[in-house]
Protein backbone atom coordinates (compact mmCIF):
# COMPACT_ATOMS: atom_id res chain seq x y z
CA MET A 1 14.37 -9.60 -16.92
CA ILE A 2 13.08 -9.38 -20.52
CA PHE A 3 10.87 -6.40 -21.28
CA GLU A 4 8.55 -6.00 -24.22
CA SER A 5 8.69 -2.56 -25.84
CA ASN A 6 6.86 -0.60 -28.54
CA MET A 7 3.48 -1.08 -26.89
CA PRO A 8 0.59 1.06 -28.10
CA SER A 9 0.55 4.35 -26.21
CA GLN A 10 -2.78 4.56 -24.39
CA ASP A 11 -3.72 6.20 -21.14
CA VAL A 12 -4.94 2.93 -19.65
CA GLY A 13 -1.36 2.49 -18.45
CA GLN A 14 -2.39 5.00 -15.79
CA LEU A 15 -4.40 2.21 -14.16
CA LEU A 16 -1.27 0.21 -13.33
CA LEU A 17 0.90 0.43 -10.21
CA VAL A 18 4.12 -1.45 -10.98
CA GLY A 19 7.28 -2.52 -9.24
CA VAL A 20 10.83 -1.67 -10.29
CA PRO A 21 13.44 -4.41 -10.80
CA GLY A 22 16.57 -2.90 -9.23
CA THR A 23 18.42 0.07 -7.78
CA GLU A 24 18.87 1.93 -11.05
CA LEU A 25 17.30 2.11 -14.49
CA ASP A 26 19.22 0.60 -17.38
CA ALA A 27 18.36 1.69 -20.92
CA GLU A 28 16.03 -1.27 -21.58
CA THR A 29 14.08 -0.76 -18.36
CA ALA A 30 13.80 2.97 -19.00
CA ARG A 31 12.39 2.34 -22.49
CA PHE A 32 9.89 -0.13 -21.06
CA TYR A 33 8.52 2.38 -18.55
CA LYS A 34 8.60 5.20 -21.09
CA ASP A 35 6.36 3.12 -23.38
CA LEU A 36 4.18 1.76 -20.58
CA GLN A 37 3.50 5.10 -18.86
CA PRO A 38 2.16 3.45 -15.70
CA GLY A 39 0.11 5.43 -13.24
CA GLY A 40 2.61 4.78 -10.51
CA TYR A 41 5.53 2.86 -9.07
CA ILE A 42 5.83 0.85 -5.86
CA LEU A 43 9.31 0.41 -4.40
CA PHE A 44 10.66 -2.39 -2.21
CA GLY A 45 13.86 -3.30 -0.40
CA ARG A 46 15.37 -4.47 -3.69
CA ASN A 47 15.30 -0.85 -4.87
CA ILE A 48 17.09 0.68 -1.87
CA GLN A 49 20.87 0.88 -1.59
CA THR A 50 21.83 4.34 -0.34
CA PRO A 51 19.90 7.55 0.36
CA THR A 52 21.33 9.35 -2.67
CA GLN A 53 20.75 6.36 -4.94
CA LEU A 54 17.12 6.10 -3.86
CA ARG A 55 16.36 9.76 -4.56
CA LYS A 56 18.03 9.48 -7.99
CA LEU A 57 16.00 6.37 -8.85
CA ILE A 58 12.75 8.15 -8.00
CA ASP A 59 13.79 11.28 -9.89
CA ASP A 60 14.58 9.11 -12.92
CA LEU A 61 11.18 7.40 -12.75
CA ARG A 62 9.44 10.77 -12.55
CA ASP A 63 11.45 12.04 -15.53
CA LEU A 64 10.17 9.12 -17.64
CA SER A 65 6.54 9.94 -16.87
CA ASP A 66 4.39 12.17 -19.08
CA VAL A 67 1.96 12.53 -16.15
CA GLU A 68 3.25 12.93 -12.59
CA PRO A 69 3.36 9.36 -11.24
CA VAL A 70 2.25 7.99 -7.92
CA VAL A 71 5.44 6.86 -6.16
CA THR A 72 4.68 4.70 -3.16
CA ILE A 73 6.15 2.36 -0.60
CA ASP A 74 5.14 0.44 2.54
CA GLN A 75 6.61 2.50 5.36
CA GLU A 76 4.58 1.42 8.38
CA GLY A 77 7.11 0.79 11.16
CA GLY A 78 8.82 -2.31 12.51
CA ARG A 79 9.33 -5.12 10.02
CA VAL A 80 7.30 -3.38 7.31
CA SER A 81 9.63 -0.40 7.00
CA ARG A 82 11.48 -0.51 3.71
CA LEU A 83 13.65 2.51 4.54
CA LYS A 84 15.22 0.85 7.59
CA LEU A 85 17.66 -0.61 5.06
CA ILE A 86 19.38 2.79 4.98
CA GLY A 87 18.39 4.19 8.38
CA ASN A 88 16.77 3.55 11.72
CA GLU A 89 13.74 1.31 12.14
CA PRO A 90 10.64 3.10 13.42
CA PRO A 91 8.54 1.40 16.09
CA ASN A 92 5.69 -0.69 14.74
CA ALA A 93 1.99 -0.04 15.23
CA GLN A 94 1.65 -2.53 18.10
CA GLN A 95 4.59 -1.03 19.98
CA LEU A 96 3.09 2.44 19.62
CA ARG A 97 -0.30 1.05 20.61
CA ASP A 98 1.11 -0.48 23.78
CA ARG A 99 2.99 2.73 24.65
CA ASN A 100 -0.43 4.44 24.49
CA ASP A 101 0.81 7.95 23.74
CA LEU A 102 -1.04 9.69 20.90
CA GLY A 103 1.68 12.33 20.79
CA LEU A 104 4.25 9.69 19.81
CA ILE A 105 1.92 8.24 17.19
CA ARG A 106 1.40 11.67 15.66
CA LYS A 107 5.16 12.23 15.72
CA HIS A 108 5.57 8.94 13.88
CA GLY A 109 3.15 10.09 11.18
CA ASP A 110 4.86 13.47 10.84
CA ILE A 111 8.38 12.01 10.67
CA THR A 112 7.26 9.37 8.17
CA GLY A 113 5.69 11.99 5.93
CA ARG A 114 8.75 14.22 5.93
CA LEU A 115 11.07 11.26 5.34
CA LEU A 116 9.07 10.05 2.35
CA ARG A 117 8.83 13.47 0.72
CA LEU A 118 12.60 13.85 1.07
CA PHE A 119 13.04 10.85 -1.24
CA GLY A 120 10.24 11.81 -3.64
CA PHE A 121 7.43 9.50 -2.49
CA ASN A 122 3.91 10.93 -2.48
CA LEU A 123 1.81 8.02 -1.13
CA ASP A 124 2.40 5.72 1.84
CA LEU A 125 0.59 2.38 1.80
CA CYS A 126 -0.70 2.68 5.34
CA PRO A 127 -2.21 2.86 7.91
CA VAL A 128 -3.23 -0.74 8.51
CA LEU A 129 -6.87 -0.57 9.66
CA ASP A 130 -7.22 -4.21 10.63
CA ILE A 131 -8.10 -5.04 14.25
CA SER A 132 -5.75 -7.33 16.14
CA PHE A 133 -8.08 -9.94 17.59
CA ASP A 134 -5.02 -12.05 18.40
CA ASP A 135 -1.54 -10.47 18.58
CA GLU A 136 0.03 -13.88 17.87
CA ALA A 137 -2.09 -14.79 14.84
CA ASP A 138 -0.01 -16.04 11.91
CA ASN A 139 -1.73 -14.10 9.12
CA SER A 140 0.94 -11.53 8.13
CA LEU A 141 -0.49 -8.82 10.45
CA ARG A 142 1.57 -9.51 13.55
CA GLY A 143 2.81 -6.23 15.01
CA ARG A 144 1.07 -4.15 12.35
CA CYS A 145 -2.27 -3.29 13.98
CA TYR A 146 -2.97 -0.11 15.94
CA GLY A 147 -5.65 -1.61 18.16
CA ARG A 148 -7.46 -4.59 19.61
CA THR A 149 -10.84 -2.86 19.48
CA VAL A 150 -12.70 -0.72 16.98
CA ALA A 151 -12.28 2.40 19.11
CA GLU A 152 -8.55 1.83 19.62
CA VAL A 153 -7.85 1.40 15.90
CA ILE A 154 -9.90 4.49 15.05
CA GLU A 155 -8.09 6.59 17.63
CA LYS A 156 -4.52 5.43 17.08
CA ALA A 157 -4.47 4.75 13.33
CA GLY A 158 -6.36 8.03 13.00
CA ALA A 159 -3.61 9.94 14.81
CA PHE A 160 -0.95 8.51 12.49
CA ASN A 161 -3.06 9.08 9.39
CA GLU A 162 -3.80 12.71 10.25
CA ALA A 163 -0.14 13.56 10.85
CA LEU A 164 1.06 11.73 7.74
CA ARG A 165 -1.35 13.65 5.52
CA ALA A 166 -0.51 16.96 7.21
CA ALA A 167 3.11 16.35 6.19
CA GLY A 168 2.03 16.13 2.52
CA ILE A 169 1.92 12.38 1.98
CA LEU A 170 -1.34 10.76 0.86
CA SER A 171 -2.50 7.73 2.83
CA CYS A 172 -3.97 4.31 2.09
CA GLY A 173 -6.23 2.32 4.39
CA LYS A 174 -5.70 -1.42 4.25
CA HIS A 175 -6.74 -4.24 3.98
CA PHE A 176 -10.43 -3.74 3.14
CA PRO A 177 -12.75 -5.35 4.22
CA GLY A 178 -10.48 -6.86 6.91
CA TYR A 179 -7.90 -9.67 7.17
CA SER A 180 -7.81 -9.86 10.94
CA SER A 181 -9.86 -13.01 11.51
CA ALA A 182 -8.27 -14.95 8.65
CA GLY A 183 -5.95 -17.84 9.47
CA LEU A 184 -4.16 -17.88 6.11
CA ASP A 185 -1.53 -15.49 4.76
CA PRO A 186 -2.88 -14.07 1.46
CA HIS A 187 0.67 -13.82 0.13
CA HIS A 188 0.41 -17.58 -0.37
CA GLU A 189 -3.24 -18.69 -0.45
CA LEU A 190 -6.65 -17.08 -0.70
CA PRO A 191 -8.22 -16.76 2.77
CA SER A 192 -11.91 -17.64 2.92
CA LEU A 193 -13.59 -16.45 6.10
CA ASP A 194 -16.88 -17.77 7.46
CA ARG A 195 -18.03 -14.65 9.30
CA SER A 196 -21.46 -13.06 9.46
CA ARG A 197 -22.37 -9.63 8.11
CA GLU A 198 -23.44 -8.65 11.62
CA LEU A 199 -20.01 -9.41 13.11
CA MET A 200 -18.26 -7.67 10.21
CA GLU A 201 -20.39 -4.57 10.72
CA GLU A 202 -19.71 -4.57 14.46
CA TYR A 203 -15.95 -4.86 14.08
CA GLU A 204 -14.00 -4.67 10.80
CA LEU A 205 -16.45 -2.61 8.75
CA ALA A 206 -17.00 -0.18 11.63
CA VAL A 207 -13.35 0.84 11.34
CA PHE A 208 -13.42 1.24 7.57
CA ARG A 209 -16.63 3.28 7.79
CA ALA A 210 -14.89 5.63 10.21
CA PHE A 211 -12.02 6.15 7.76
CA ALA A 212 -14.08 6.41 4.56
CA ASP A 213 -13.64 10.19 4.50
CA LYS A 214 -10.23 10.28 6.19
CA VAL A 215 -7.88 8.29 3.92
CA ASP A 216 -6.98 9.16 0.35
CA SER A 217 -7.03 5.61 -0.97
CA MET A 218 -8.00 2.09 0.02
CA MET A 219 -6.23 -1.20 -0.69
CA ILE A 220 -8.57 -4.13 -1.27
CA GLY A 221 -7.59 -7.47 0.21
CA HIS A 222 -7.52 -10.87 -1.44
CA ILE A 223 -10.11 -12.47 0.84
CA THR A 224 -13.62 -13.90 0.59
CA ILE A 225 -16.06 -13.47 3.48
CA SER A 226 -19.22 -15.56 3.52
CA GLY A 227 -21.39 -13.00 5.27
CA LEU A 228 -20.57 -10.29 2.76
CA GLU A 229 -20.72 -12.21 -0.52
CA ALA A 230 -21.23 -15.96 -0.20
CA GLY A 231 -19.62 -17.85 -3.07
CA GLY A 232 -18.32 -14.64 -4.63
CA PRO A 233 -14.84 -13.74 -5.86
CA PRO A 234 -12.20 -12.27 -3.54
CA ALA A 235 -12.96 -8.71 -2.43
CA SER A 236 -10.22 -7.38 -4.70
CA LEU A 237 -12.15 -8.62 -7.76
CA SER A 238 -15.68 -8.03 -6.45
CA SER A 239 -17.94 -5.24 -7.66
CA ALA A 240 -20.26 -5.96 -4.73
CA MET A 241 -17.41 -5.23 -2.31
CA ILE A 242 -15.87 -2.23 -4.10
CA ASN A 243 -18.63 -0.48 -6.04
CA GLY A 244 -21.35 -1.65 -3.67
CA LEU A 245 -20.07 -1.79 -0.10
CA LEU A 246 -17.10 0.60 -0.21
CA ARG A 247 -18.23 3.25 -2.67
CA GLU A 248 -22.03 3.29 -2.51
CA ASP A 249 -22.69 2.12 1.05
CA MET A 250 -19.72 3.69 2.84
CA GLY A 251 -19.48 6.69 0.53
CA PHE A 252 -15.76 6.34 -0.17
CA ASN A 253 -14.75 8.70 -3.00
CA GLY A 254 -10.99 8.18 -3.10
CA LEU A 255 -8.67 5.95 -5.09
CA VAL A 256 -9.13 2.18 -4.84
CA MET A 257 -6.28 -0.23 -5.56
CA THR A 258 -5.81 -3.97 -5.43
CA ASP A 259 -3.28 -5.64 -3.22
CA ASP A 260 -0.48 -7.22 -5.24
CA LEU A 261 -1.90 -9.33 -8.06
CA ASP A 262 1.28 -11.44 -8.08
CA MET A 263 0.21 -13.07 -4.80
CA GLY A 264 -0.54 -16.77 -4.65
CA ALA A 265 -4.00 -15.88 -3.38
CA ILE A 266 -4.91 -14.71 -6.88
CA LEU A 267 -2.50 -16.64 -9.11
CA ASN A 268 -3.71 -19.97 -7.77
CA HIS A 269 -7.32 -19.25 -8.77
CA TYR A 270 -7.52 -16.88 -11.74
CA GLY A 271 -5.75 -16.43 -15.06
CA PHE A 272 -3.77 -13.25 -15.54
CA ASP A 273 -5.89 -11.64 -18.26
CA GLU A 274 -9.11 -12.45 -16.41
CA THR A 275 -7.70 -10.96 -13.23
CA MET A 276 -6.84 -7.70 -15.01
CA ARG A 277 -10.29 -7.40 -16.57
CA ARG A 278 -12.13 -8.30 -13.38
CA GLY A 279 -10.03 -5.90 -11.36
CA ILE A 280 -11.11 -2.83 -13.33
CA VAL A 281 -14.73 -3.93 -13.85
CA ALA A 282 -15.01 -4.51 -10.08
CA GLY A 283 -14.21 -0.85 -9.43
CA ASN A 284 -10.47 -0.73 -8.77
CA ASP A 285 -8.60 2.29 -10.10
CA MET A 286 -5.10 0.81 -9.89
CA LEU A 287 -3.99 -2.76 -10.45
CA MET A 288 -0.80 -3.64 -8.57
CA ILE A 289 1.91 -5.74 -10.21
CA CYS A 290 4.87 -5.76 -7.86
CA HIS A 291 7.33 -8.43 -8.89
CA ARG A 292 6.90 -9.85 -12.40
CA VAL A 293 7.03 -6.34 -13.76
CA GLU A 294 7.23 -7.47 -17.38
CA LEU A 295 3.61 -8.61 -17.09
CA ALA A 296 2.56 -4.96 -17.00
CA ALA A 297 2.89 -4.87 -20.79
CA GLN A 298 0.29 -7.63 -21.11
CA ALA A 299 -1.89 -5.96 -18.49
CA LYS A 300 -1.93 -2.74 -20.50
CA LYS A 301 -2.98 -4.62 -23.65
CA VAL A 302 -5.82 -6.30 -21.77
CA LEU A 303 -7.04 -2.97 -20.40
CA ALA A 304 -6.79 -1.33 -23.82
CA GLU A 305 -9.23 -3.94 -25.16
CA LEU A 306 -11.89 -3.07 -22.60
CA PRO A 307 -14.71 -0.74 -23.69
CA ALA A 308 -13.95 2.88 -22.80
CA SER A 309 -17.01 2.83 -20.55
CA GLU A 310 -15.25 0.28 -18.31
CA THR A 311 -12.12 2.41 -17.78
CA GLU A 312 -13.47 5.96 -17.90
CA ALA A 313 -14.47 6.23 -14.23
CA ALA A 314 -11.17 4.77 -13.00
CA LEU A 315 -9.16 7.13 -15.19
CA GLY A 316 -11.14 10.06 -13.83
CA ARG A 317 -10.51 9.06 -10.23
CA MET A 318 -6.84 8.52 -11.03
CA ALA A 319 -6.56 12.04 -12.43
CA ALA A 320 -8.33 13.54 -9.41
CA PHE A 321 -6.00 11.66 -7.06
CA LYS A 322 -2.91 12.85 -8.92
CA ALA A 323 -4.05 16.46 -8.72
CA ARG A 324 -3.40 16.20 -4.96
CA LEU A 325 0.14 14.75 -5.09
CA ALA A 326 2.74 16.86 -3.28
CA PRO A 327 6.13 17.45 -4.91
CA PRO A 328 9.35 16.14 -3.36
CA THR A 329 11.26 18.33 -0.94
CA PRO A 330 14.93 19.18 -1.66
CA PHE A 331 17.24 16.27 -0.84
CA THR A 332 20.58 16.35 0.94
CA GLU A 333 22.36 13.65 2.91
CA ALA A 334 22.35 16.02 5.89
CA ALA A 335 18.57 16.41 5.68
CA PHE A 336 18.16 12.64 5.63
CA ARG A 337 20.47 12.17 8.63
CA SER A 338 18.48 14.78 10.55
CA VAL A 339 15.15 13.01 9.97
CA ASP A 340 16.74 9.63 10.64
CA SER A 341 17.94 10.84 14.04
CA GLU A 342 14.33 11.77 14.83
CA ILE A 343 13.32 8.19 14.06
CA TRP A 344 15.88 6.96 16.59
CA ASP A 345 14.59 9.38 19.21
CA LEU A 346 11.03 8.17 18.53
CA ARG A 347 12.17 4.57 18.88
CA VAL A 348 13.80 5.30 22.23
CA ALA A 349 10.75 7.22 23.46
CA THR A 350 8.50 4.32 22.49
CA LEU A 351 10.59 1.31 23.53
CA GLY A 352 13.14 2.59 26.00
CA GLU A 353 16.89 2.87 25.46
CA GLU A 354 17.75 -0.83 25.93
CA GLN A 355 15.04 -2.29 23.71
CA ALA A 356 15.50 0.44 21.10
CA GLY A 357 18.94 -0.94 20.37
CA GLN A 358 17.44 -4.23 19.23
CA ARG A 359 15.75 -4.86 15.92
CA SER A 360 12.16 -6.09 15.84
CA ALA A 361 11.84 -9.60 17.23
CA GLU A 362 9.85 -10.35 14.09
CA ASP A 363 12.89 -9.73 11.87
CA GLY A 364 14.04 -13.28 12.47
CA LYS A 365 10.62 -14.66 11.47
CA ARG A 366 10.13 -12.92 8.15
CA SER A 367 8.07 -14.34 5.36
CA PRO A 368 10.09 -15.17 2.23
CA VAL A 369 8.07 -12.43 0.51
CA GLU A 370 7.86 -8.80 1.53
CA LEU A 371 4.68 -7.94 3.40
CA TYR A 372 2.38 -5.13 2.37
């Protein structure tokens, strides 16, 4: 990839959460990030080769940062478990839901937190707070939901969330205000849902209200919902959804981030510069650029042109969030193998010995893009 360097050094880079192109940093990539000074990094399967390599990559990214960066990943369980590339695959949310043992769900949160800190991560992009109205729905959420009712999601996602945070990893509720009823996958096209405010309040929003003071951050989905803002932009670019519903109405005081702005759901409808501007004005604190990482340079320029009044609140929330980041724990291969064996034991306890030896049935049905 071709990076642009020598960008003006401004703290608005802190409002960007960016991907990383490979398993190590070459000189050009390192210079790019050193100039960009993004607020954080999100890692994917393309960044994971071996346990030692992964810890070194994260240490290198931290060394380039003038301010401690957010380092995050999607480590949910099942098919959305990036670290299964170098270890065992944890059970997914639906498998844990069906096992109906809160002790196992808490164990999953604890193990996940300790595993992530071992590599140097400080934020996990979960739990999924969507309700599974249909376990077979083809909307990217299959296997990823902790419940089929409001109460079940609150109980089971809450158990995971509490244990994850107790282990020193910050959490992220997703995908606000709810993807569950959508028939389209937002990785490809913008879902538009005809659903009343009353139904949203009874189901999806009831869950997010319950977690408003329990998660450290929220990821905003690329979805429009008629009963919440008829004819409006997707929630991820909507001040009514973020500043109005989430912050003012629900009282959420944590970090707010977009879902990936490289998704077809956004790219098919909005220009890049407009998306960046709208994202911050709407109330997001971090704009996510996962794959075309070189676009982060343009994003920083766009943000630098905004009036300081438009970025000040987001920068303040970003700083407050970073004040709570936990440092990595010491890494050894032996420590990783020990935690990885706990993941296997959890898998057996959840699925049984025979089924534990098989990968997720969903592995053979993966989307061509990584889910998050």
